[in-house]
N, C-alpha and C. Protein backbone atom coordinates (compact mmCIF):
# COMPACT_ATOMS: atom_id res chain seq x y z
N UNK A 1 26.01 30.49 37.55
CA UNK A 1 25.28 29.96 38.67
C UNK A 1 24.59 28.65 38.31
N UNK A 2 24.01 28.58 37.11
CA UNK A 2 23.35 27.36 36.67
C UNK A 2 24.35 26.24 36.46
N UNK A 3 25.54 26.59 36.02
CA UNK A 3 26.59 25.59 35.83
C UNK A 3 27.01 24.97 37.16
N UNK A 4 27.12 25.81 38.19
CA UNK A 4 27.48 25.32 39.52
C UNK A 4 26.39 24.39 40.06
N UNK A 5 25.12 24.78 39.89
CA UNK A 5 24.01 23.94 40.33
C UNK A 5 24.01 22.62 39.55
N UNK A 6 24.34 22.67 38.27
CA UNK A 6 24.41 21.47 37.45
C UNK A 6 25.51 20.52 37.89
N UNK A 7 26.59 21.07 38.42
CA UNK A 7 27.69 20.23 38.90
C UNK A 7 27.42 19.69 40.31
N UNK A 8 26.78 20.48 41.14
CA UNK A 8 26.55 20.08 42.53
C UNK A 8 25.35 19.15 42.71
N UNK A 9 24.34 19.28 41.85
CA UNK A 9 23.13 18.49 42.01
C UNK A 9 23.40 16.98 42.02
N UNK A 10 24.16 16.43 41.08
CA UNK A 10 24.41 14.97 41.12
C UNK A 10 25.14 14.53 42.40
N UNK A 11 26.07 15.32 42.88
CA UNK A 11 26.80 14.96 44.09
C UNK A 11 25.86 14.98 45.30
N UNK A 12 25.04 16.00 45.40
CA UNK A 12 24.09 16.09 46.51
C UNK A 12 23.08 14.95 46.44
N UNK A 13 22.63 14.63 45.25
CA UNK A 13 21.69 13.53 45.07
C UNK A 13 22.31 12.20 45.48
N UNK A 14 23.57 11.99 45.14
CA UNK A 14 24.27 10.76 45.50
C UNK A 14 24.44 10.67 47.02
N UNK A 15 24.80 11.76 47.68
CA UNK A 15 24.93 11.75 49.13
C UNK A 15 23.59 11.48 49.80
N UNK A 16 22.53 12.05 49.27
CA UNK A 16 21.20 11.79 49.82
C UNK A 16 20.82 10.32 49.66
N UNK A 17 21.12 9.73 48.52
CA UNK A 17 20.80 8.31 48.29
C UNK A 17 21.58 7.42 49.25
N UNK A 18 22.85 7.74 49.49
CA UNK A 18 23.65 6.96 50.44
C UNK A 18 23.11 7.09 51.86
N UNK A 19 22.69 8.27 52.24
CA UNK A 19 22.12 8.47 53.56
C UNK A 19 20.82 7.69 53.73
N UNK A 20 19.98 7.70 52.72
CA UNK A 20 18.72 6.96 52.79
C UNK A 20 18.96 5.45 52.82
N UNK A 21 20.02 4.98 52.17
CA UNK A 21 20.37 3.55 52.23
C UNK A 21 20.73 3.15 53.66
N UNK A 22 21.46 4.00 54.35
CA UNK A 22 21.82 3.72 55.75
C UNK A 22 20.57 3.73 56.64
N UNK A 23 19.67 4.64 56.41
CA UNK A 23 18.43 4.69 57.18
C UNK A 23 17.62 3.41 56.93
N UNK A 24 17.53 2.98 55.68
CA UNK A 24 16.79 1.77 55.34
C UNK A 24 17.42 0.54 55.98
N UNK A 25 18.74 0.46 56.02
CA UNK A 25 19.41 -0.67 56.66
C UNK A 25 19.09 -0.72 58.15
N UNK A 26 19.04 0.42 58.79
CA UNK A 26 18.67 0.47 60.20
C UNK A 26 17.24 0.03 60.44
N UNK A 27 16.34 0.43 59.56
CA UNK A 27 14.94 0.02 59.69
C UNK A 27 14.77 -1.47 59.43
N UNK A 28 15.52 -2.02 58.49
CA UNK A 28 15.44 -3.45 58.21
C UNK A 28 15.87 -4.27 59.41
N UNK A 29 16.88 -3.79 60.15
CA UNK A 29 17.34 -4.50 61.34
C UNK A 29 16.27 -4.54 62.41
N UNK A 30 15.44 -3.51 62.47
CA UNK A 30 14.41 -3.42 63.50
C UNK A 30 13.11 -4.10 63.10
N UNK A 31 12.96 -4.46 61.85
CA UNK A 31 11.69 -5.02 61.41
C UNK A 31 11.52 -6.45 61.91
N UNK A 32 10.28 -6.88 61.97
CA UNK A 32 9.92 -8.19 62.48
C UNK A 32 9.20 -8.95 61.37
N UNK A 33 9.61 -10.19 61.17
CA UNK A 33 9.00 -11.00 60.13
C UNK A 33 7.84 -11.84 60.64
N UNK A 34 7.11 -12.45 59.73
CA UNK A 34 5.96 -13.28 60.12
C UNK A 34 6.34 -14.45 61.03
N UNK A 35 7.53 -15.00 60.84
CA UNK A 35 7.97 -16.12 61.70
C UNK A 35 8.14 -15.65 63.13
N UNK A 36 8.65 -14.43 63.32
CA UNK A 36 8.80 -13.89 64.67
C UNK A 36 7.44 -13.67 65.33
N UNK A 37 6.48 -13.21 64.57
CA UNK A 37 5.14 -12.97 65.11
C UNK A 37 4.51 -14.29 65.54
N UNK A 38 4.62 -15.33 64.70
CA UNK A 38 4.06 -16.64 65.04
C UNK A 38 4.74 -17.22 66.28
N UNK A 39 6.07 -17.07 66.36
CA UNK A 39 6.79 -17.56 67.53
C UNK A 39 6.29 -16.87 68.79
N UNK A 40 6.08 -15.58 68.72
CA UNK A 40 5.61 -14.82 69.88
C UNK A 40 4.21 -15.26 70.28
N UNK A 41 3.33 -15.38 69.31
CA UNK A 41 1.94 -15.72 69.62
C UNK A 41 1.79 -17.13 70.18
N UNK A 42 2.65 -18.04 69.78
CA UNK A 42 2.57 -19.41 70.29
C UNK A 42 2.97 -19.50 71.75
N UNK A 43 3.91 -18.67 72.20
CA UNK A 43 4.46 -18.81 73.54
C UNK A 43 4.13 -17.65 74.48
N UNK A 44 3.33 -16.69 74.06
CA UNK A 44 3.10 -15.49 74.86
C UNK A 44 2.14 -15.76 76.00
N UNK A 45 2.41 -15.09 77.12
CA UNK A 45 1.46 -15.10 78.24
C UNK A 45 1.05 -13.66 78.54
N UNK A 46 0.39 -13.44 79.66
CA UNK A 46 -0.12 -12.10 79.97
C UNK A 46 0.99 -11.05 80.08
N UNK A 47 2.13 -11.42 80.67
CA UNK A 47 3.25 -10.50 80.81
C UNK A 47 3.80 -10.11 79.44
N UNK A 48 3.90 -11.09 78.54
CA UNK A 48 4.43 -10.82 77.21
C UNK A 48 3.50 -9.89 76.42
N UNK A 49 2.20 -10.10 76.55
CA UNK A 49 1.25 -9.24 75.84
C UNK A 49 1.33 -7.82 76.38
N UNK A 50 1.52 -7.69 77.71
CA UNK A 50 1.68 -6.37 78.30
C UNK A 50 2.94 -5.69 77.77
N UNK A 51 4.04 -6.45 77.68
CA UNK A 51 5.28 -5.90 77.10
C UNK A 51 5.09 -5.51 75.65
N UNK A 52 4.31 -6.30 74.92
CA UNK A 52 4.04 -5.99 73.52
C UNK A 52 3.32 -4.65 73.39
N UNK A 53 2.32 -4.44 74.22
CA UNK A 53 1.56 -3.18 74.16
C UNK A 53 2.41 -1.99 74.58
N UNK A 54 3.31 -2.21 75.53
CA UNK A 54 4.10 -1.11 76.08
C UNK A 54 5.33 -0.80 75.23
N UNK A 55 6.07 -1.84 74.81
CA UNK A 55 7.38 -1.63 74.18
C UNK A 55 7.45 -1.98 72.70
N UNK A 56 6.48 -2.71 72.18
CA UNK A 56 6.52 -3.13 70.79
C UNK A 56 7.00 -4.57 70.67
N UNK A 57 6.83 -5.15 69.50
CA UNK A 57 7.13 -6.56 69.30
C UNK A 57 8.60 -6.93 69.45
N UNK A 58 9.55 -6.17 68.91
CA UNK A 58 10.95 -6.59 69.07
C UNK A 58 11.37 -6.69 70.54
N UNK A 59 10.99 -5.73 71.36
CA UNK A 59 11.36 -5.76 72.77
C UNK A 59 10.64 -6.88 73.50
N UNK A 60 9.37 -7.11 73.21
CA UNK A 60 8.62 -8.18 73.86
C UNK A 60 9.18 -9.55 73.46
N UNK A 61 9.56 -9.70 72.21
CA UNK A 61 10.14 -10.96 71.75
C UNK A 61 11.49 -11.21 72.41
N UNK A 62 12.30 -10.18 72.57
CA UNK A 62 13.58 -10.33 73.27
C UNK A 62 13.37 -10.75 74.72
N UNK A 63 12.39 -10.13 75.38
CA UNK A 63 12.08 -10.48 76.77
C UNK A 63 11.61 -11.93 76.88
N UNK A 64 10.76 -12.35 75.96
CA UNK A 64 10.27 -13.73 75.95
C UNK A 64 11.43 -14.71 75.77
N UNK A 65 12.30 -14.42 74.83
CA UNK A 65 13.45 -15.30 74.59
C UNK A 65 14.40 -15.33 75.77
N UNK A 66 14.62 -14.20 76.41
CA UNK A 66 15.54 -14.19 77.56
C UNK A 66 14.95 -14.97 78.73
N UNK A 67 13.63 -14.85 78.95
CA UNK A 67 13.01 -15.63 80.03
C UNK A 67 13.02 -17.11 79.71
N UNK A 68 12.87 -17.46 78.43
CA UNK A 68 12.86 -18.86 78.04
C UNK A 68 14.25 -19.49 78.17
N UNK A 69 15.29 -18.68 78.01
CA UNK A 69 16.66 -19.23 78.05
C UNK A 69 17.19 -19.35 79.47
N UNK A 70 16.52 -18.75 80.48
CA UNK A 70 16.96 -18.87 81.87
C UNK A 70 16.71 -20.30 82.37
N UNK A 71 17.61 -20.81 83.21
CA UNK A 71 17.34 -22.10 83.84
C UNK A 71 16.14 -22.00 84.78
N UNK A 72 15.49 -23.12 85.05
CA UNK A 72 14.28 -23.13 85.86
C UNK A 72 14.54 -22.60 87.27
N UNK A 73 15.71 -22.84 87.82
CA UNK A 73 16.02 -22.40 89.18
C UNK A 73 16.06 -20.88 89.30
N UNK A 74 16.28 -20.17 88.21
CA UNK A 74 16.40 -18.71 88.26
C UNK A 74 15.07 -17.99 88.06
N UNK A 75 14.00 -18.71 87.73
CA UNK A 75 12.73 -18.03 87.50
C UNK A 75 12.15 -17.52 88.80
N UNK A 76 11.25 -16.58 88.73
CA UNK A 76 10.66 -15.95 89.91
C UNK A 76 9.49 -16.74 90.48
N UNK A 77 9.08 -17.82 89.80
CA UNK A 77 7.93 -18.57 90.24
C UNK A 77 8.27 -19.43 91.45
N UNK A 78 7.37 -19.51 92.43
CA UNK A 78 7.59 -20.42 93.54
C UNK A 78 7.42 -21.86 93.11
N UNK A 79 7.93 -22.80 93.89
CA UNK A 79 7.88 -24.23 93.56
C UNK A 79 6.46 -24.71 93.38
N UNK A 80 5.52 -24.25 94.21
CA UNK A 80 4.16 -24.76 94.17
C UNK A 80 3.43 -24.39 92.86
N UNK A 81 3.73 -23.23 92.31
CA UNK A 81 3.04 -22.84 91.08
C UNK A 81 3.61 -23.54 89.86
N UNK A 82 4.85 -24.00 89.91
CA UNK A 82 5.43 -24.74 88.78
C UNK A 82 4.86 -26.13 88.68
N UNK A 83 4.45 -26.71 89.79
CA UNK A 83 3.93 -28.08 89.79
C UNK A 83 2.55 -28.15 89.15
N UNK A 84 1.79 -27.08 89.16
CA UNK A 84 0.44 -27.13 88.61
C UNK A 84 0.38 -26.83 87.15
């Protein structure tokens, strides 16, 4: 029985390490760096801060970037509020 445990333990440990590497890669993709935080804080308005509190920084940053990439004609603001 001890011999079987001695043979299986390294294989189980290796599989666990590979699984944790995949989990870490997924977390790294979701992480936000200091440059992203500075970019958000420089351009954020009330809607963006609300999105930040509700959904977290990655989602709020995506929303900010998508609104920034839209042409001016597609925004929801009326003409009079853009002039001021």
